[in-house]
Amino acid sequence: MRGRLEWRALRRAPDIDLILALAAFVALLVDPLLLHKITELTPVMGVLAFLTAAPLAARRRFPLGVLAIELPLLLACLAVFHPNRAAVGITMLLVFTVGLEGGRSRSLVVGALMAPVVTAAVFITGTRGTLTDIIAYSSLVLGALLAGETLRARQELGRALAEEAAREREAAAQHRFDEERLALAHELHDIIGHAWWPSTSRLRPPRAVSERPAMPRPRHWMR
C-alpha cells in the first residue's frame, strides 16, 4: 500500500511532466535518425521539436488545450522530418491524459477524432504507410485512451468507496454516541430517583391518631 501511494505521488509530481517533455524532445529528433529518414538535424527541426515538446509540461492542467496545440505541431514535424513513432507516442500520452483527467463523453469524442488524425498523418508523412501501420497506430491511440478512461474510472470508484466508508464510520460513531448518551440518561434518572425517594418519604405528614370512642354514661345519670 505504501509503495502504491509513493508511485501515485511520483506520477502526480510536476517534475514527471518536465521529464516527459524532455524525453519527447529527444525522441522527436532521434526517431527519424534511427529510421534513416534524415541524414542530419537542422535548426528548423530542433525548433519544431522544442515547440512540440514544451507544452507537454502542462498536459495535466490543460489536457484539451495542450492536445489542441500539439496536433498541428506534430503534423508539422511529421511533414518536415518524419518522426512517426515519436509522434504516435506523444499522441498516446496526450489521449491518455485526456482520458484520465477529462470526463467520459469528452474522452469518447477525443478518441473518435484522434484515430483518423493519426491515420491521415501516417498517409501524409510516410512512404511505407500500409494498412497494417494504419490499424496499428490507430489501435495504439485508442488503447491509450481506453487505459486513461479505465484508470480514471478506477480512481473515481476508489474515491466513492472511501467516501462511503467514511460516511459509515461517521454513522457508526454517531450511533455509539447516541447509545452512550441514552445509557447515561437512564443512569442519571435512576440515581436521582433513588436519591429523591427517601426525601419525599420524610416530607410526608404523619398519619392522624384516631380518637378513642366515647364511653357510655351510666344509666343513673339519666334519671
C-alpha atoms as a PDB file:
ATOM      1  CA  MET A   1       0.000   0.000   0.000  1.00  0.00           C
ATOM      2  CA  ARG A   2       2.796   2.418   0.858  1.00  0.00           C
ATOM      3  CA  GLY A   3       4.618   1.678  -2.394  1.00  0.00           C
ATOM      4  CA  ARG A   4       1.434   2.293  -4.374  1.00  0.00           C
ATOM      5  CA  LEU A   5       0.905   5.645  -2.658  1.00  0.00           C
ATOM      6  CA  GLU A   6       4.507   6.648  -3.327  1.00  0.00           C
ATOM      7  CA  TRP A   7       4.174   5.700  -7.003  1.00  0.00           C
ATOM      8  CA  ARG A   8       0.930   7.671  -7.277  1.00  0.00           C
ATOM      9  CA  ALA A   9       2.540  10.719  -5.673  1.00  0.00           C
ATOM     10  CA  LEU A  10       5.525  10.392  -8.016  1.00  0.00           C
ATOM     11  CA  ARG A  11       3.242  10.122 -11.013  1.00  0.00           C
ATOM     12  CA  ARG A  12       1.375  13.268  -9.939  1.00  0.00           C
ATOM     13  CA  ALA A  13       4.555  15.271  -9.347  1.00  0.00           C
ATOM     14  CA  PRO A  14       5.178  18.212 -11.711  1.00  0.00           C
ATOM     15  CA  ASP A  15       8.765  17.041 -12.357  1.00  0.00           C
ATOM     16  CA  ILE A  16       7.442  13.997 -14.236  1.00  0.00           C
ATOM     17  CA  ASP A  17       5.850  16.282 -16.822  1.00  0.00           C
ATOM     18  CA  LEU A  18       9.161  18.059 -17.366  1.00  0.00           C
ATOM     19  CA  ILE A  19      10.942  14.728 -17.775  1.00  0.00           C
ATOM     20  CA  LEU A  20       8.319  13.558 -20.272  1.00  0.00           C
ATOM     21  CA  ALA A  21       8.643  16.810 -22.223  1.00  0.00           C
ATOM     22  CA  LEU A  22      12.414  16.378 -22.382  1.00  0.00           C
ATOM     23  CA  ALA A  23      12.021  12.751 -23.462  1.00  0.00           C
ATOM     24  CA  ALA A  24       9.563  13.796 -26.179  1.00  0.00           C
ATOM     25  CA  PHE A  25      12.040  16.407 -27.460  1.00  0.00           C
ATOM     26  CA  VAL A  26      14.826  13.842 -27.690  1.00  0.00           C
ATOM     27  CA  ALA A  27      12.548  11.228 -29.271  1.00  0.00           C
ATOM     28  CA  LEU A  28      11.344  13.615 -31.961  1.00  0.00           C
ATOM     29  CA  LEU A  29      14.931  14.252 -33.037  1.00  0.00           C
ATOM     30  CA  VAL A  30      16.334  10.746 -32.640  1.00  0.00           C
ATOM     31  CA  ASP A  31      13.468   8.762 -34.198  1.00  0.00           C
ATOM     32  CA  PRO A  32      13.973   9.935 -37.818  1.00  0.00           C
ATOM     33  CA  LEU A  33      17.715   9.448 -37.484  1.00  0.00           C
ATOM     34  CA  LEU A  34      17.287   5.849 -36.332  1.00  0.00           C
ATOM     35  CA  LEU A  35      14.864   5.132 -39.169  1.00  0.00           C
ATOM     36  CA  HIS A  36      17.291   6.759 -41.666  1.00  0.00           C
ATOM     37  CA  LYS A  37      14.621   9.158 -42.875  1.00  0.00           C
ATOM     38  CA  ILE A  38      17.025  12.074 -42.471  1.00  0.00           C
ATOM     39  CA  THR A  39      20.795  12.242 -42.501  1.00  0.00           C
ATOM     40  CA  GLU A  40      21.311  15.247 -40.265  1.00  0.00           C
ATOM     41  CA  LEU A  41      19.432  17.597 -37.996  1.00  0.00           C
ATOM     42  CA  THR A  42      18.777  21.210 -38.853  1.00  0.00           C
ATOM     43  CA  PRO A  43      17.886  24.201 -36.653  1.00  0.00           C
ATOM     44  CA  VAL A  44      14.346  24.129 -38.020  1.00  0.00           C
ATOM     45  CA  MET A  45      13.934  20.542 -36.811  1.00  0.00           C
ATOM     46  CA  GLY A  46      15.265  21.493 -33.383  1.00  0.00           C
ATOM     47  CA  VAL A  47      12.869  24.441 -33.088  1.00  0.00           C
ATOM     48  CA  LEU A  48       9.890  22.348 -34.182  1.00  0.00           C
ATOM     49  CA  ALA A  49      10.811  19.569 -31.781  1.00  0.00           C
ATOM     50  CA  PHE A  50      11.170  22.051 -28.903  1.00  0.00           C
ATOM     51  CA  LEU A  51       7.872  23.793 -29.671  1.00  0.00           C
ATOM     52  CA  THR A  52       6.131  20.408 -29.853  1.00  0.00           C
ATOM     53  CA  ALA A  53       7.605  19.027 -26.649  1.00  0.00           C
ATOM     54  CA  ALA A  54       7.328  22.133 -24.443  1.00  0.00           C
ATOM     55  CA  PRO A  55       3.509  22.142 -23.994  1.00  0.00           C
ATOM     56  CA  LEU A  56       3.666  18.634 -22.539  1.00  0.00           C
ATOM     57  CA  ALA A  57       4.779  20.177 -19.253  1.00  0.00           C
ATOM     58  CA  ALA A  58       1.210  21.479 -18.792  1.00  0.00           C
ATOM     59  CA  ARG A  59      -0.647  18.438 -20.127  1.00  0.00           C
ATOM     60  CA  ARG A  60      -2.399  17.587 -16.835  1.00  0.00           C
ATOM     61  CA  ARG A  61      -3.513  21.114 -16.036  1.00  0.00           C
ATOM     62  CA  PHE A  62      -4.860  21.811 -19.537  1.00  0.00           C
ATOM     63  CA  PRO A  63      -5.293  18.416 -21.232  1.00  0.00           C
ATOM     64  CA  LEU A  64      -7.572  19.541 -24.055  1.00  0.00           C
ATOM     65  CA  GLY A  65      -5.706  22.796 -24.615  1.00  0.00           C
ATOM     66  CA  VAL A  66      -2.368  21.022 -24.881  1.00  0.00           C
ATOM     67  CA  LEU A  67      -3.892  18.459 -27.223  1.00  0.00           C
ATOM     68  CA  ALA A  68      -5.219  21.225 -29.483  1.00  0.00           C
ATOM     69  CA  ILE A  69      -1.773  22.868 -29.578  1.00  0.00           C
ATOM     70  CA  GLU A  70       0.108  19.629 -30.113  1.00  0.00           C
ATOM     71  CA  LEU A  71      -1.841  18.333 -33.102  1.00  0.00           C
ATOM     72  CA  PRO A  72      -0.741  20.943 -35.678  1.00  0.00           C
ATOM     73  CA  LEU A  73       2.805  20.938 -34.303  1.00  0.00           C
ATOM     74  CA  LEU A  74       3.011  17.147 -34.614  1.00  0.00           C
ATOM     75  CA  LEU A  75       1.714  17.320 -38.169  1.00  0.00           C
ATOM     76  CA  ALA A  76       4.360  19.930 -38.950  1.00  0.00           C
ATOM     77  CA  CYS A  77       7.070  17.708 -37.506  1.00  0.00           C
ATOM     78  CA  LEU A  78       5.797  14.743 -39.496  1.00  0.00           C
ATOM     79  CA  ALA A  79       5.805  16.781 -42.677  1.00  0.00           C
ATOM     80  CA  VAL A  80       9.349  18.142 -42.154  1.00  0.00           C
ATOM     81  CA  PHE A  81      11.423  15.291 -40.663  1.00  0.00           C
ATOM     82  CA  HIS A  82       9.030  12.290 -40.235  1.00  0.00           C
ATOM     83  CA  PRO A  83       9.282  11.235 -36.538  1.00  0.00           C
ATOM     84  CA  ASN A  84       6.413   8.752 -36.972  1.00  0.00           C
ATOM     85  CA  ARG A  85       6.900   6.605 -33.885  1.00  0.00           C
ATOM     86  CA  ALA A  86       7.684   9.556 -31.623  1.00  0.00           C
ATOM     87  CA  ALA A  87       4.584  11.370 -32.871  1.00  0.00           C
ATOM     88  CA  VAL A  88       2.411   8.331 -32.176  1.00  0.00           C
ATOM     89  CA  GLY A  89       3.929   8.024 -28.683  1.00  0.00           C
ATOM     90  CA  ILE A  90       3.231  11.677 -27.908  1.00  0.00           C
ATOM     91  CA  THR A  91      -0.319  11.305 -29.218  1.00  0.00           C
ATOM     92  CA  MET A  92      -0.835   8.266 -26.984  1.00  0.00           C
ATOM     93  CA  LEU A  93       0.376  10.265 -23.980  1.00  0.00           C
ATOM     94  CA  LEU A  94      -1.992  13.121 -24.796  1.00  0.00           C
ATOM     95  CA  VAL A  95      -5.107  10.997 -25.269  1.00  0.00           C
ATOM     96  CA  PHE A  96      -4.217   9.014 -22.136  1.00  0.00           C
ATOM     97  CA  THR A  97      -4.097  12.290 -20.197  1.00  0.00           C
ATOM     98  CA  VAL A  98      -7.425  13.423 -21.649  1.00  0.00           C
ATOM     99  CA  GLY A  99      -8.989  10.071 -20.739  1.00  0.00           C
ATOM    100  CA  LEU A 100      -7.582  10.316 -17.213  1.00  0.00           C
ATOM    101  CA  GLU A 101      -8.281  13.962 -16.449  1.00  0.00           C
ATOM    102  CA  GLY A 102     -11.389  14.589 -18.568  1.00  0.00           C
ATOM    103  CA  GLY A 103     -14.936  13.303 -18.499  1.00  0.00           C
ATOM    104  CA  ARG A 104     -16.305  10.199 -20.179  1.00  0.00           C
ATOM    105  CA  SER A 105     -18.069  11.949 -23.079  1.00  0.00           C
ATOM    106  CA  ARG A 106     -15.052  14.160 -23.691  1.00  0.00           C
ATOM    107  CA  SER A 107     -12.792  11.118 -23.845  1.00  0.00           C
ATOM    108  CA  LEU A 108     -15.027   9.373 -26.390  1.00  0.00           C
ATOM    109  CA  VAL A 109     -15.084  12.454 -28.613  1.00  0.00           C
ATOM    110  CA  VAL A 110     -11.323  12.836 -28.449  1.00  0.00           C
ATOM    111  CA  GLY A 111     -10.799   9.161 -29.261  1.00  0.00           C
ATOM    112  CA  ALA A 112     -13.126   9.332 -32.253  1.00  0.00           C
ATOM    113  CA  LEU A 113     -11.228  12.356 -33.589  1.00  0.00           C
ATOM    114  CA  MET A 114      -7.691  11.223 -32.868  1.00  0.00           C
ATOM    115  CA  ALA A 115      -7.834   7.891 -34.704  1.00  0.00           C
ATOM    116  CA  PRO A 116      -8.456   9.449 -38.174  1.00  0.00           C
ATOM    117  CA  VAL A 117      -5.924  12.205 -37.440  1.00  0.00           C
ATOM    118  CA  VAL A 118      -3.201   9.646 -36.770  1.00  0.00           C
ATOM    119  CA  THR A 119      -4.262   7.700 -39.842  1.00  0.00           C
ATOM    120  CA  ALA A 120      -4.035  10.823 -42.004  1.00  0.00           C
ATOM    121  CA  ALA A 121      -0.619  11.640 -40.568  1.00  0.00           C
ATOM    122  CA  VAL A 122       0.681   8.188 -41.497  1.00  0.00           C
ATOM    123  CA  PHE A 123      -0.543   8.621 -45.068  1.00  0.00           C
ATOM    124  CA  ILE A 124       0.818  12.148 -45.396  1.00  0.00           C
ATOM    125  CA  THR A 125       4.289  11.619 -43.989  1.00  0.00           C
ATOM    126  CA  GLY A 126       5.246   8.043 -44.717  1.00  0.00           C
ATOM    127  CA  THR A 127       6.238   6.328 -47.943  1.00  0.00           C
ATOM    128  CA  ARG A 128       5.561   2.974 -46.295  1.00  0.00           C
ATOM    129  CA  GLY A 129       2.147   3.780 -44.940  1.00  0.00           C
ATOM    130  CA  THR A 130       0.409   0.437 -45.235  1.00  0.00           C
ATOM    131  CA  LEU A 131      -2.941  -0.737 -43.924  1.00  0.00           C
ATOM    132  CA  THR A 132      -1.138  -2.580 -41.138  1.00  0.00           C
ATOM    133  CA  ASP A 133       0.536   0.636 -39.983  1.00  0.00           C
ATOM    134  CA  ILE A 134      -2.771   2.487 -40.034  1.00  0.00           C
ATOM    135  CA  ILE A 135      -4.502  -0.182 -37.943  1.00  0.00           C
ATOM    136  CA  ALA A 136      -1.563  -0.447 -35.553  1.00  0.00           C
ATOM    137  CA  TYR A 137      -1.241   3.300 -34.937  1.00  0.00           C
ATOM    138  CA  SER A 138      -4.992   3.800 -34.549  1.00  0.00           C
ATOM    139  CA  SER A 139      -5.192   0.847 -32.153  1.00  0.00           C
ATOM    140  CA  LEU A 140      -2.363   2.242 -30.046  1.00  0.00           C
ATOM    141  CA  VAL A 141      -4.058   5.632 -29.772  1.00  0.00           C
ATOM    142  CA  LEU A 142      -7.428   4.124 -28.873  1.00  0.00           C
ATOM    143  CA  GLY A 143      -5.733   1.755 -26.417  1.00  0.00           C
ATOM    144  CA  ALA A 144      -4.070   4.695 -24.657  1.00  0.00           C
ATOM    145  CA  LEU A 145      -7.414   6.453 -24.471  1.00  0.00           C
ATOM    146  CA  LEU A 146      -9.045   3.339 -23.021  1.00  0.00           C
ATOM    147  CA  ALA A 147      -6.253   2.978 -20.471  1.00  0.00           C
ATOM    148  CA  GLY A 148      -6.733   6.563 -19.287  1.00  0.00           C
ATOM    149  CA  GLU A 149     -10.500   6.125 -19.115  1.00  0.00           C
ATOM    150  CA  THR A 150     -10.123   2.874 -17.147  1.00  0.00           C
ATOM    151  CA  LEU A 151      -7.697   4.423 -14.689  1.00  0.00           C
ATOM    152  CA  ARG A 152      -9.993   7.419 -14.202  1.00  0.00           C
ATOM    153  CA  ALA A 153     -12.951   5.117 -13.543  1.00  0.00           C
ATOM    154  CA  ARG A 154     -10.920   3.152 -11.001  1.00  0.00           C
ATOM    155  CA  GLN A 155      -9.893   6.328  -9.227  1.00  0.00           C
ATOM    156  CA  GLU A 156     -13.491   7.545  -9.100  1.00  0.00           C
ATOM    157  CA  LEU A 157     -14.592   4.158  -7.742  1.00  0.00           C
ATOM    158  CA  GLY A 158     -11.873   4.285  -5.104  1.00  0.00           C
ATOM    159  CA  ARG A 159     -12.929   7.787  -4.045  1.00  0.00           C
ATOM    160  CA  ALA A 160     -16.584   6.725  -3.915  1.00  0.00           C
ATOM    161  CA  LEU A 161     -15.741   3.702  -1.761  1.00  0.00           C
ATOM    162  CA  ALA A 162     -13.599   5.829   0.535  1.00  0.00           C
ATOM    163  CA  GLU A 163     -16.389   8.377   0.939  1.00  0.00           C
ATOM    164  CA  GLU A 164     -18.911   5.609   1.628  1.00  0.00           C
ATOM    165  CA  ALA A 165     -16.620   4.071   4.243  1.00  0.00           C
ATOM    166  CA  ALA A 166     -16.152   7.489   5.859  1.00  0.00           C
ATOM    167  CA  ARG A 167     -19.928   8.007   5.992  1.00  0.00           C
ATOM    168  CA  GLU A 168     -20.400   4.562   7.528  1.00  0.00           C
ATOM    169  CA  ARG A 169     -17.748   5.262  10.164  1.00  0.00           C
ATOM    170  CA  GLU A 170     -19.373   8.600  10.955  1.00  0.00           C
ATOM    171  CA  ALA A 171     -22.809   6.976  11.233  1.00  0.00           C
ATOM    172  CA  ALA A 172     -21.424   4.239  13.497  1.00  0.00           C
ATOM    173  CA  ALA A 173     -19.714   6.814  15.699  1.00  0.00           C
ATOM    174  CA  GLN A 174     -22.937   8.831  15.929  1.00  0.00           C
ATOM    175  CA  HIS A 175     -24.873   5.677  16.808  1.00  0.00           C
ATOM    176  CA  ARG A 176     -22.404   4.801  19.576  1.00  0.00           C
ATOM    177  CA  PHE A 177     -22.606   8.357  20.887  1.00  0.00           C
ATOM    178  CA  ASP A 178     -26.413   8.225  20.971  1.00  0.00           C
ATOM    179  CA  GLU A 179     -26.360   4.897  22.788  1.00  0.00           C
ATOM    180  CA  GLU A 180     -23.880   6.173  25.376  1.00  0.00           C
ATOM    181  CA  ARG A 181     -25.919   9.329  25.885  1.00  0.00           C
ATOM    182  CA  LEU A 182     -29.114   7.291  26.329  1.00  0.00           C
ATOM    183  CA  ALA A 183     -27.416   4.948  28.796  1.00  0.00           C
ATOM    184  CA  LEU A 184     -26.063   7.924  30.738  1.00  0.00           C
ATOM    185  CA  ALA A 185     -29.520   9.493  30.820  1.00  0.00           C
ATOM    186  CA  HIS A 186     -31.022   6.268  32.224  1.00  0.00           C
ATOM    187  CA  GLU A 187     -28.277   6.029  34.811  1.00  0.00           C
ATOM    188  CA  LEU A 188     -28.770   9.626  35.920  1.00  0.00           C
ATOM    189  CA  HIS A 189     -32.514   9.061  36.091  1.00  0.00           C
ATOM    190  CA  ASP A 190     -32.025   6.041  38.361  1.00  0.00           C
ATOM    191  CA  ILE A 191     -29.541   7.849  40.619  1.00  0.00           C
ATOM    192  CA  ILE A 192     -31.721  10.919  41.001  1.00  0.00           C
ATOM    193  CA  GLY A 193     -34.811   8.766  41.572  1.00  0.00           C
ATOM    194  CA  HIS A 194     -33.141   6.733  44.334  1.00  0.00           C
ATOM    195  CA  ALA A 195     -31.786   9.872  45.968  1.00  0.00           C
ATOM    196  CA  TRP A 196     -35.138  11.694  45.818  1.00  0.00           C
ATOM    197  CA  TRP A 197     -37.329   8.883  47.178  1.00  0.00           C
ATOM    198  CA  PRO A 198     -36.153   8.984  50.871  1.00  0.00           C
ATOM    199  CA  SER A 199     -36.503  12.757  50.916  1.00  0.00           C
ATOM    200  CA  THR A 200     -40.054  12.641  49.704  1.00  0.00           C
ATOM    201  CA  SER A 201     -40.935   9.919  52.208  1.00  0.00           C
ATOM    202  CA  ARG A 202     -39.632  12.039  55.103  1.00  0.00           C
ATOM    203  CA  LEU A 203     -41.678  15.033  53.975  1.00  0.00           C
ATOM    204  CA  ARG A 204     -44.981  13.173  54.127  1.00  0.00           C
ATOM    205  CA  PRO A 205     -47.300  14.258  57.118  1.00  0.00           C
ATOM    206  CA  PRO A 206     -47.714  11.664  59.932  1.00  0.00           C
ATOM    207  CA  ARG A 207     -50.926   9.675  59.965  1.00  0.00           C
ATOM    208  CA  ALA A 208     -53.574  11.273  62.323  1.00  0.00           C
ATOM    209  CA  VAL A 209     -54.134   9.441  65.611  1.00  0.00           C
ATOM    210  CA  SER A 210     -57.712   8.216  65.743  1.00  0.00           C
ATOM    211  CA  GLU A 211     -59.798   9.423  68.717  1.00  0.00           C
ATOM    212  CA  ARG A 212     -60.986   6.969  71.305  1.00  0.00           C
ATOM    213  CA  PRO A 213     -64.695   6.168  71.176  1.00  0.00           C
ATOM    214  CA  ALA A 214     -66.762   7.889  73.859  1.00  0.00           C
ATOM    215  CA  MET A 215     -67.600   5.737  76.931  1.00  0.00           C
ATOM    216  CA  PRO A 216     -71.350   5.242  77.503  1.00  0.00           C
ATOM    217  CA  ARG A 217     -72.687   7.102  80.533  1.00  0.00           C
ATOM    218  CA  PRO A 218     -74.105   5.198  83.440  1.00  0.00           C
ATOM    219  CA  ARG A 219     -77.890   4.896  83.467  1.00  0.00           C
ATOM    220  CA  HIS A 220     -78.316   6.547  86.850  1.00  0.00           C
ATOM    221  CA  TRP A 221     -77.179   9.736  85.268  1.00  0.00           C
ATOM    222  CA  MET A 222     -80.180   9.609  83.045  1.00  0.00           C
ATOM    223  CA  ARG A 223     -82.608   9.813  85.973  1.00  0.00           C
END
